[in-house]
């Protein structure tokens, strides 16, 4: 992982470039008068499920809510996921 220090003025001036670096895995430490005051790190990425894993999860959820009629509808859940 890349680690970089940038002064507060430079960070303010080049914020969009800093965000691009962070998106690509860099850690950016913001300093004021040479002292660290903040750190910008990438947001953790959520692992993506395969289609079959997602369907299995939906069926698992449906089993949990079977006791309450109408409390869970797979078709509605699929449609909400498409938005």
PDB file of N, CA and C in Angstrom:
ATOM      1  N   UNK A   1       0.844  -1.178   0.000  1.00  0.00           N
ATOM      2  CA  UNK A   1       0.000   0.000   0.000  1.00  0.00           C
ATOM      3  C   UNK A   1       0.890   1.242   0.000  1.00  0.00           C
ATOM      4  N   UNK A   2       0.529   2.197  -0.788  1.00  0.00           N
ATOM      5  CA  UNK A   2       1.283   3.445  -0.867  1.00  0.00           C
ATOM      6  C   UNK A   2       0.937   4.349   0.308  1.00  0.00           C
ATOM      7  N   UNK A   3       1.923   5.056   0.825  1.00  0.00           N
ATOM      8  CA  UNK A   3       1.695   6.001   1.909  1.00  0.00           C
ATOM      9  C   UNK A   3       2.361   7.315   1.530  1.00  0.00           C
ATOM     10  N   UNK A   4       1.645   8.400   1.750  1.00  0.00           N
ATOM     11  CA  UNK A   4       2.137   9.701   1.298  1.00  0.00           C
ATOM     12  C   UNK A   4       1.759  10.768   2.324  1.00  0.00           C
ATOM     13  N   UNK A   5       2.584  11.809   2.453  1.00  0.00           N
ATOM     14  CA  UNK A   5       2.260  12.956   3.306  1.00  0.00           C
ATOM     15  C   UNK A   5       2.077  14.180   2.419  1.00  0.00           C
ATOM     16  N   UNK A   6       1.032  14.934   2.719  1.00  0.00           N
ATOM     17  CA  UNK A   6       0.727  16.131   1.939  1.00  0.00           C
ATOM     18  C   UNK A   6       0.341  17.234   2.923  1.00  0.00           C
ATOM     19  N   UNK A   7       0.813  18.437   2.668  1.00  0.00           N
ATOM     20  CA  UNK A   7       0.455  19.579   3.494  1.00  0.00           C
ATOM     21  C   UNK A   7      -1.004  19.953   3.309  1.00  0.00           C
ATOM     22  N   UNK A   8      -1.583  20.597   4.304  1.00  0.00           N
ATOM     23  CA  UNK A   8      -3.002  20.956   4.279  1.00  0.00           C
ATOM     24  C   UNK A   8      -3.356  21.847   3.090  1.00  0.00           C
ATOM     25  N   UNK A   9      -2.507  22.820   2.765  1.00  0.00           N
ATOM     26  CA  UNK A   9      -2.802  23.706   1.644  1.00  0.00           C
ATOM     27  C   UNK A   9      -2.829  22.927   0.333  1.00  0.00           C
ATOM     28  N   UNK A  10      -1.836  22.055   0.143  1.00  0.00           N
ATOM     29  CA  UNK A  10      -1.784  21.238  -1.076  1.00  0.00           C
ATOM     30  C   UNK A  10      -2.985  20.293  -1.134  1.00  0.00           C
ATOM     31  N   UNK A  11      -3.376  19.736   0.010  1.00  0.00           N
ATOM     32  CA  UNK A  11      -4.525  18.835   0.056  1.00  0.00           C
ATOM     33  C   UNK A  11      -5.800  19.563  -0.375  1.00  0.00           C
ATOM     34  N   UNK A  12      -5.961  20.798   0.103  1.00  0.00           N
ATOM     35  CA  UNK A  12      -7.135  21.594  -0.266  1.00  0.00           C
ATOM     36  C   UNK A  12      -7.124  21.898  -1.758  1.00  0.00           C
ATOM     37  N   UNK A  13      -5.962  22.221  -2.273  1.00  0.00           N
ATOM     38  CA  UNK A  13      -5.831  22.609  -3.673  1.00  0.00           C
ATOM     39  C   UNK A  13      -6.015  21.433  -4.630  1.00  0.00           C
ATOM     40  N   UNK A  14      -5.569  20.231  -4.232  1.00  0.00           N
ATOM     41  CA  UNK A  14      -5.573  19.074  -5.134  1.00  0.00           C
ATOM     42  C   UNK A  14      -6.417  17.922  -4.580  1.00  0.00           C
ATOM     43  N   UNK A  15      -7.542  18.264  -3.953  1.00  0.00           N
ATOM     44  CA  UNK A  15      -8.340  17.245  -3.273  1.00  0.00           C
ATOM     45  C   UNK A  15      -8.830  16.137  -4.205  1.00  0.00           C
ATOM     46  N   UNK A  16      -9.280  16.481  -5.411  1.00  0.00           N
ATOM     47  CA  UNK A  16      -9.791  15.442  -6.315  1.00  0.00           C
ATOM     48  C   UNK A  16      -8.690  14.461  -6.722  1.00  0.00           C
ATOM     49  N   UNK A  17      -7.454  14.958  -6.911  1.00  0.00           N
ATOM     50  CA  UNK A  17      -6.345  14.058  -7.237  1.00  0.00           C
ATOM     51  C   UNK A  17      -6.031  13.144  -6.043  1.00  0.00           C
ATOM     52  N   UNK A  18      -6.132  13.695  -4.842  1.00  0.00           N
ATOM     53  CA  UNK A  18      -5.893  12.901  -3.635  1.00  0.00           C
ATOM     54  C   UNK A  18      -6.927  11.779  -3.540  1.00  0.00           C
ATOM     55  N   UNK A  19      -8.187  12.107  -3.802  1.00  0.00           N
ATOM     56  CA  UNK A  19      -9.227  11.075  -3.762  1.00  0.00           C
ATOM     57  C   UNK A  19      -8.958   9.977  -4.788  1.00  0.00           C
ATOM     58  N   UNK A  20      -8.478  10.347  -5.951  1.00  0.00           N
ATOM     59  CA  UNK A  20      -8.143   9.339  -6.966  1.00  0.00           C
ATOM     60  C   UNK A  20      -7.035   8.415  -6.477  1.00  0.00           C
ATOM     61  N   UNK A  21      -6.027   8.975  -5.839  1.00  0.00           N
ATOM     62  CA  UNK A  21      -4.941   8.159  -5.301  1.00  0.00           C
ATOM     63  C   UNK A  21      -5.461   7.198  -4.234  1.00  0.00           C
ATOM     64  N   UNK A  22      -6.331   7.714  -3.364  1.00  0.00           N
ATOM     65  CA  UNK A  22      -6.883   6.890  -2.296  1.00  0.00           C
ATOM     66  C   UNK A  22      -7.745   5.765  -2.880  1.00  0.00           C
ATOM     67  N   UNK A  23      -8.521   6.084  -3.921  1.00  0.00           N
ATOM     68  CA  UNK A  23      -9.320   5.052  -4.588  1.00  0.00           C
ATOM     69  C   UNK A  23      -8.448   3.922  -5.112  1.00  0.00           C
ATOM     70  N   UNK A  24      -7.229   4.252  -5.489  1.00  0.00           N
ATOM     71  CA  UNK A  24      -6.298   3.257  -6.028  1.00  0.00           C
ATOM     72  C   UNK A  24      -5.432   2.616  -4.941  1.00  0.00           C
ATOM     73  N   UNK A  25      -5.782   2.829  -3.668  1.00  0.00           N
ATOM     74  CA  UNK A  25      -5.125   2.119  -2.590  1.00  0.00           C
ATOM     75  C   UNK A  25      -4.124   2.901  -1.758  1.00  0.00           C
ATOM     76  N   UNK A  26      -3.921   4.181  -2.022  1.00  0.00           N
ATOM     77  CA  UNK A  26      -2.936   4.962  -1.269  1.00  0.00           C
ATOM     78  C   UNK A  26      -3.498   5.417   0.075  1.00  0.00           C
ATOM     79  N   UNK A  27      -2.632   5.540   1.061  1.00  0.00           N
ATOM     80  CA  UNK A  27      -2.940   6.186   2.340  1.00  0.00           C
ATOM     81  C   UNK A  27      -2.328   7.579   2.272  1.00  0.00           C
ATOM     82  N   UNK A  28      -3.107   8.601   2.558  1.00  0.00           N
ATOM     83  CA  UNK A  28      -2.601   9.966   2.511  1.00  0.00           C
ATOM     84  C   UNK A  28      -2.692  10.571   3.913  1.00  0.00           C
ATOM     85  N   UNK A  29      -1.559  11.057   4.413  1.00  0.00           N
ATOM     86  CA  UNK A  29      -1.531  11.751   5.695  1.00  0.00           C
ATOM     87  C   UNK A  29      -1.486  13.247   5.410  1.00  0.00           C
ATOM     88  N   UNK A  30      -2.413  13.980   5.997  1.00  0.00           N
ATOM     89  CA  UNK A  30      -2.470  15.439   5.838  1.00  0.00           C
ATOM     90  C   UNK A  30      -1.715  16.052   7.015  1.00  0.00           C
ATOM     91  N   UNK A  31      -0.809  16.951   6.704  1.00  0.00           N
ATOM     92  CA  UNK A  31      -0.016  17.595   7.757  1.00  0.00           C
ATOM     93  C   UNK A  31      -0.289  19.093   7.789  1.00  0.00           C
ATOM     94  N   UNK A  32      -0.087  19.667   8.958  1.00  0.00           N
ATOM     95  CA  UNK A  32      -0.137  21.121   9.120  1.00  0.00           C
ATOM     96  C   UNK A  32       1.152  21.504   9.836  1.00  0.00           C
ATOM     97  N   UNK A  33       1.935  22.325   9.169  1.00  0.00           N
ATOM     98  CA  UNK A  33       3.254  22.730   9.686  1.00  0.00           C
ATOM     99  C   UNK A  33       4.114  21.519  10.048  1.00  0.00           C
ATOM    100  N   UNK A  34       4.027  20.497   9.191  1.00  0.00           N
ATOM    101  CA  UNK A  34       4.854  19.310   9.348  1.00  0.00           C
ATOM    102  C   UNK A  34       4.341  18.267  10.332  1.00  0.00           C
ATOM    103  N   UNK A  35       3.240  18.559  11.022  1.00  0.00           N
ATOM    104  CA  UNK A  35       2.694  17.612  11.992  1.00  0.00           C
ATOM    105  C   UNK A  35       1.437  16.938  11.417  1.00  0.00           C
ATOM    106  N   UNK A  36       1.347  15.615  11.517  1.00  0.00           N
ATOM    107  CA  UNK A  36       0.163  14.911  11.000  1.00  0.00           C
ATOM    108  C   UNK A  36      -1.101  15.325  11.743  1.00  0.00           C
ATOM    109  N   UNK A  37      -2.164  15.621  10.984  1.00  0.00           N
ATOM    110  CA  UNK A  37      -3.439  15.996  11.595  1.00  0.00           C
ATOM    111  C   UNK A  37      -4.596  15.106  11.135  1.00  0.00           C
ATOM    112  N   UNK A  38      -4.442  14.444   9.994  1.00  0.00           N
ATOM    113  CA  UNK A  38      -5.524  13.596   9.475  1.00  0.00           C
ATOM    114  C   UNK A  38      -4.937  12.562   8.519  1.00  0.00           C
ATOM    115  N   UNK A  39      -5.706  11.494   8.347  1.00  0.00           N
ATOM    116  CA  UNK A  39      -5.284  10.448   7.418  1.00  0.00           C
ATOM    117  C   UNK A  39      -6.478  10.062   6.566  1.00  0.00           C
ATOM    118  N   UNK A  40      -6.281   9.990   5.265  1.00  0.00           N
ATOM    119  CA  UNK A  40      -7.327   9.555   4.341  1.00  0.00           C
ATOM    120  C   UNK A  40      -6.923   8.168   3.857  1.00  0.00           C
ATOM    121  N   UNK A  41      -7.816   7.206   4.095  1.00  0.00           N
ATOM    122  CA  UNK A  41      -7.532   5.824   3.706  1.00  0.00           C
ATOM    123  C   UNK A  41      -8.672   5.304   2.838  1.00  0.00           C
ATOM    124  N   UNK A  42      -8.414   4.291   2.018  1.00  0.00           N
ATOM    125  CA  UNK A  42      -9.488   3.736   1.184  1.00  0.00           C
ATOM    126  C   UNK A  42     -10.579   3.102   2.028  1.00  0.00           C
ATOM    127  N   UNK A  43     -11.798   3.239   1.586  1.00  0.00           N
ATOM    128  CA  UNK A  43     -12.924   2.597   2.242  1.00  0.00           C
ATOM    129  C   UNK A  43     -12.843   1.104   1.910  1.00  0.00           C
ATOM    130  N   UNK A  44     -13.056   0.219   2.897  1.00  0.00           N
ATOM    131  CA  UNK A  44     -12.952  -1.216   2.615  1.00  0.00           C
ATOM    132  C   UNK A  44     -13.964  -1.651   1.556  1.00  0.00           C
ATOM    133  N   UNK A  45     -13.507  -2.422   0.608  1.00  0.00           N
ATOM    134  CA  UNK A  45     -14.400  -2.915  -0.445  1.00  0.00           C
ATOM    135  C   UNK A  45     -15.127  -4.154   0.046  1.00  0.00           C
ATOM    136  N   UNK A  46     -16.416  -4.194  -0.258  1.00  0.00           N
ATOM    137  CA  UNK A  46     -17.207  -5.355   0.121  1.00  0.00           C
ATOM    138  C   UNK A  46     -17.000  -6.445  -0.917  1.00  0.00           C
ATOM    139  N   UNK A  47     -16.812  -7.675  -0.469  1.00  0.00           N
ATOM    140  CA  UNK A  47     -16.643  -8.759  -1.431  1.00  0.00           C
ATOM    141  C   UNK A  47     -17.934  -8.965  -2.218  1.00  0.00           C
ATOM    142  N   UNK A  48     -17.802  -9.219  -3.504  1.00  0.00           N
ATOM    143  CA  UNK A  48     -18.970  -9.443  -4.348  1.00  0.00           C
ATOM    144  C   UNK A  48     -19.341 -10.912  -4.324  1.00  0.00           C
ATOM    145  N   UNK A  49     -20.644 -11.159  -4.299  1.00  0.00           N
ATOM    146  CA  UNK A  49     -21.144 -12.526  -4.334  1.00  0.00           C
ATOM    147  C   UNK A  49     -21.344 -12.958  -5.779  1.00  0.00           C
ATOM    148  N   UNK A  50     -21.187 -14.240  -6.005  1.00  0.00           N
ATOM    149  CA  UNK A  50     -21.540 -14.770  -7.324  1.00  0.00           C
ATOM    150  C   UNK A  50     -23.059 -14.842  -7.390  1.00  0.00           C
ATOM    151  N   UNK A  51     -23.580 -15.037  -8.587  1.00  0.00           N
ATOM    152  CA  UNK A  51     -25.032 -15.128  -8.768  1.00  0.00           C
ATOM    153  C   UNK A  51     -25.590 -16.279  -7.943  1.00  0.00           C
ATOM    154  N   UNK A  52     -24.934 -17.438  -7.987  1.00  0.00           N
ATOM    155  CA  UNK A  52     -25.445 -18.603  -7.260  1.00  0.00           C
ATOM    156  C   UNK A  52     -25.375 -18.387  -5.743  1.00  0.00           C
ATOM    157  N   UNK A  53     -24.346 -17.682  -5.247  1.00  0.00           N
ATOM    158  CA  UNK A  53     -24.263 -17.369  -3.820  1.00  0.00           C
ATOM    159  C   UNK A  53     -25.408 -16.445  -3.403  1.00  0.00           C
ATOM    160  N   UNK A  54     -25.731 -15.471  -4.256  1.00  0.00           N
ATOM    161  CA  UNK A  54     -26.810 -14.531  -3.953  1.00  0.00           C
ATOM    162  C   UNK A  54     -28.155 -15.242  -3.911  1.00  0.00           C
ATOM    163  N   UNK A  55     -28.396 -16.134  -4.863  1.00  0.00           N
ATOM    164  CA  UNK A  55     -29.661 -16.879  -4.883  1.00  0.00           C
ATOM    165  C   UNK A  55     -29.762 -17.770  -3.656  1.00  0.00           C
ATOM    166  N   UNK A  56     -28.660 -18.437  -3.305  1.00  0.00           N
ATOM    167  CA  UNK A  56     -28.659 -19.290  -2.107  1.00  0.00           C
ATOM    168  C   UNK A  56     -28.973 -18.464  -0.856  1.00  0.00           C
ATOM    169  N   UNK A  57     -28.419 -17.261  -0.776  1.00  0.00           N
ATOM    170  CA  UNK A  57     -28.667 -16.375   0.363  1.00  0.00           C
ATOM    171  C   UNK A  57     -30.143 -15.964   0.420  1.00  0.00           C
ATOM    172  N   UNK A  58     -30.738 -15.688  -0.737  1.00  0.00           N
ATOM    173  CA  UNK A  58     -32.160 -15.326  -0.781  1.00  0.00           C
ATOM    174  C   UNK A  58     -33.031 -16.472  -0.273  1.00  0.00           C
ATOM    175  N   UNK A  59     -32.736 -17.689  -0.706  1.00  0.00           N
ATOM    176  CA  UNK A  59     -33.510 -18.841  -0.234  1.00  0.00           C
ATOM    177  C   UNK A  59     -33.323 -19.053   1.264  1.00  0.00           C
ATOM    178  N   UNK A  60     -32.120 -18.817   1.751  1.00  0.00           N
ATOM    179  CA  UNK A  60     -31.839 -18.924   3.179  1.00  0.00           C
ATOM    180  C   UNK A  60     -32.673 -17.896   3.956  1.00  0.00           C
ATOM    181  N   UNK A  61     -32.742 -16.672   3.438  1.00  0.00           N
ATOM    182  CA  UNK A  61     -33.530 -15.627   4.082  1.00  0.00           C
ATOM    183  C   UNK A  61     -35.014 -15.982   4.054  1.00  0.00           C
ATOM    184  N   UNK A  62     -35.452 -16.557   2.941  1.00  0.00           N
ATOM    185  CA  UNK A  62     -36.868 -16.914   2.827  1.00  0.00           C
ATOM    186  C   UNK A  62     -37.239 -17.955   3.886  1.00  0.00           C
ATOM    187  N   UNK A  63     -36.356 -18.913   4.143  1.00  0.00           N
ATOM    188  CA  UNK A  63     -36.617 -19.932   5.164  1.00  0.00           C
ATOM    189  C   UNK A  63     -36.770 -19.287   6.545  1.00  0.00           C
ATOM    190  N   UNK A  64     -35.961 -18.261   6.815  1.00  0.00           N
ATOM    191  CA  UNK A  64     -36.034 -17.589   8.110  1.00  0.00           C
ATOM    192  C   UNK A  64     -37.373 -16.888   8.322  1.00  0.00           C
ATOM    193  N   UNK A  65     -37.969 -16.364   7.251  1.00  0.00           N
ATOM    194  CA  UNK A  65     -39.191 -15.571   7.371  1.00  0.00           C
ATOM    195  C   UNK A  65     -40.446 -16.335   6.974  1.00  0.00           C
ATOM    196  N   UNK A  66     -40.345 -17.637   6.788  1.00  0.00           N
ATOM    197  CA  UNK A  66     -41.502 -18.422   6.352  1.00  0.00           C
ATOM    198  C   UNK A  66     -42.660 -18.374   7.332  1.00  0.00           C
ATOM    199  N   UNK A  67     -42.371 -18.208   8.600  1.00  0.00           N
ATOM    200  CA  UNK A  67     -43.427 -18.225   9.611  1.00  0.00           C
ATOM    201  C   UNK A  67     -44.404 -17.078   9.487  1.00  0.00           C
ATOM    202  N   UNK A  68     -43.999 -15.974   8.888  1.00  0.00           N
ATOM    203  CA  UNK A  68     -44.874 -14.805   8.762  1.00  0.00           C
ATOM    204  C   UNK A  68     -45.285 -14.638   7.304  1.00  0.00           C
ATOM    205  N   UNK A  69     -46.525 -14.944   6.976  1.00  0.00           N
ATOM    206  CA  UNK A  69     -46.959 -14.823   5.580  1.00  0.00           C
ATOM    207  C   UNK A  69     -46.767 -13.398   5.051  1.00  0.00           C
ATOM    208  N   UNK A  70     -46.185 -13.311   3.885  1.00  0.00           N
ATOM    209  CA  UNK A  70     -46.001 -12.025   3.232  1.00  0.00           C
ATOM    210  C   UNK A  70     -44.863 -11.189   3.766  1.00  0.00           C
ATOM    211  N   UNK A  71     -44.072 -11.714   4.711  1.00  0.00           N
ATOM    212  CA  UNK A  71     -43.012 -10.901   5.300  1.00  0.00           C
ATOM    213  C   UNK A  71     -41.770 -10.821   4.418  1.00  0.00           C
ATOM    214  N   UNK A  72     -41.617 -11.778   3.516  1.00  0.00           N
ATOM    215  CA  UNK A  72     -40.444 -11.762   2.637  1.00  0.00           C
ATOM    216  C   UNK A  72     -40.845 -12.301   1.282  1.00  0.00           C
ATOM    217  N   UNK A  73     -40.484 -11.583   0.248  1.00  0.00           N
ATOM    218  CA  UNK A  73     -40.820 -11.993  -1.104  1.00  0.00           C
ATOM    219  C   UNK A  73     -39.547 -11.946  -1.939  1.00  0.00           C
ATOM    220  N   UNK A  74     -39.111 -13.092  -2.431  1.00  0.00           N
ATOM    221  CA  UNK A  74     -37.863 -13.142  -3.210  1.00  0.00           C
ATOM    222  C   UNK A  74     -37.945 -12.237  -4.432  1.00  0.00           C
ATOM    223  N   UNK A  75     -39.050 -12.252  -5.140  1.00  0.00           N
ATOM    224  CA  UNK A  75     -39.191 -11.444  -6.361  1.00  0.00           C
ATOM    225  C   UNK A  75     -38.995  -9.968  -6.033  1.00  0.00           C
ATOM    226  N   UNK A  76     -39.595  -9.484  -4.939  1.00  0.00           N
ATOM    227  CA  UNK A  76     -39.424  -8.077  -4.550  1.00  0.00           C
ATOM    228  C   UNK A  76     -37.973  -7.780  -4.199  1.00  0.00           C
ATOM    229  N   UNK A  77     -37.323  -8.698  -3.488  1.00  0.00           N
ATOM    230  CA  UNK A  77     -35.919  -8.498  -3.111  1.00  0.00           C
ATOM    231  C   UNK A  77     -35.029  -8.414  -4.346  1.00  0.00           C
ATOM    232  N   UNK A  78     -35.304  -9.266  -5.327  1.00  0.00           N
ATOM    233  CA  UNK A  78     -34.522  -9.240  -6.576  1.00  0.00           C
ATOM    234  C   UNK A  78     -34.739  -7.915  -7.283  1.00  0.00           C
ATOM    235  N   UNK A  79     -35.979  -7.472  -7.374  1.00  0.00           N
ATOM    236  CA  UNK A  79     -36.284  -6.211  -8.063  1.00  0.00           C
ATOM    237  C   UNK A  79     -35.629  -5.018  -7.338  1.00  0.00           C
ATOM    238  N   UNK A  80     -35.620  -5.027  -6.013  1.00  0.00           N
ATOM    239  CA  UNK A  80     -34.969  -3.936  -5.259  1.00  0.00           C
ATOM    240  C   UNK A  80     -33.477  -3.922  -5.512  1.00  0.00           C
ATOM    241  N   UNK A  81     -32.882  -5.075  -5.684  1.00  0.00           N
ATOM    242  CA  UNK A  81     -31.448  -5.163  -5.955  1.00  0.00           C
ATOM    243  C   UNK A  81     -31.080  -4.628  -7.314  1.00  0.00           C
ATOM    244  N   UNK A  82     -32.026  -4.529  -8.222  1.00  0.00           N
ATOM    245  CA  UNK A  82     -31.764  -4.039  -9.579  1.00  0.00           C
ATOM    246  C   UNK A  82     -31.816  -2.528  -9.671  1.00  0.00           C
ATOM    247  N   UNK A  83     -32.243  -1.868  -8.626  1.00  0.00           N
ATOM    248  CA  UNK A  83     -32.353  -0.394  -8.671  1.00  0.00           C
ATOM    249  C   UNK A  83     -31.025   0.228  -8.465  1.00  0.00           C
TER     250      UNK A  83
END
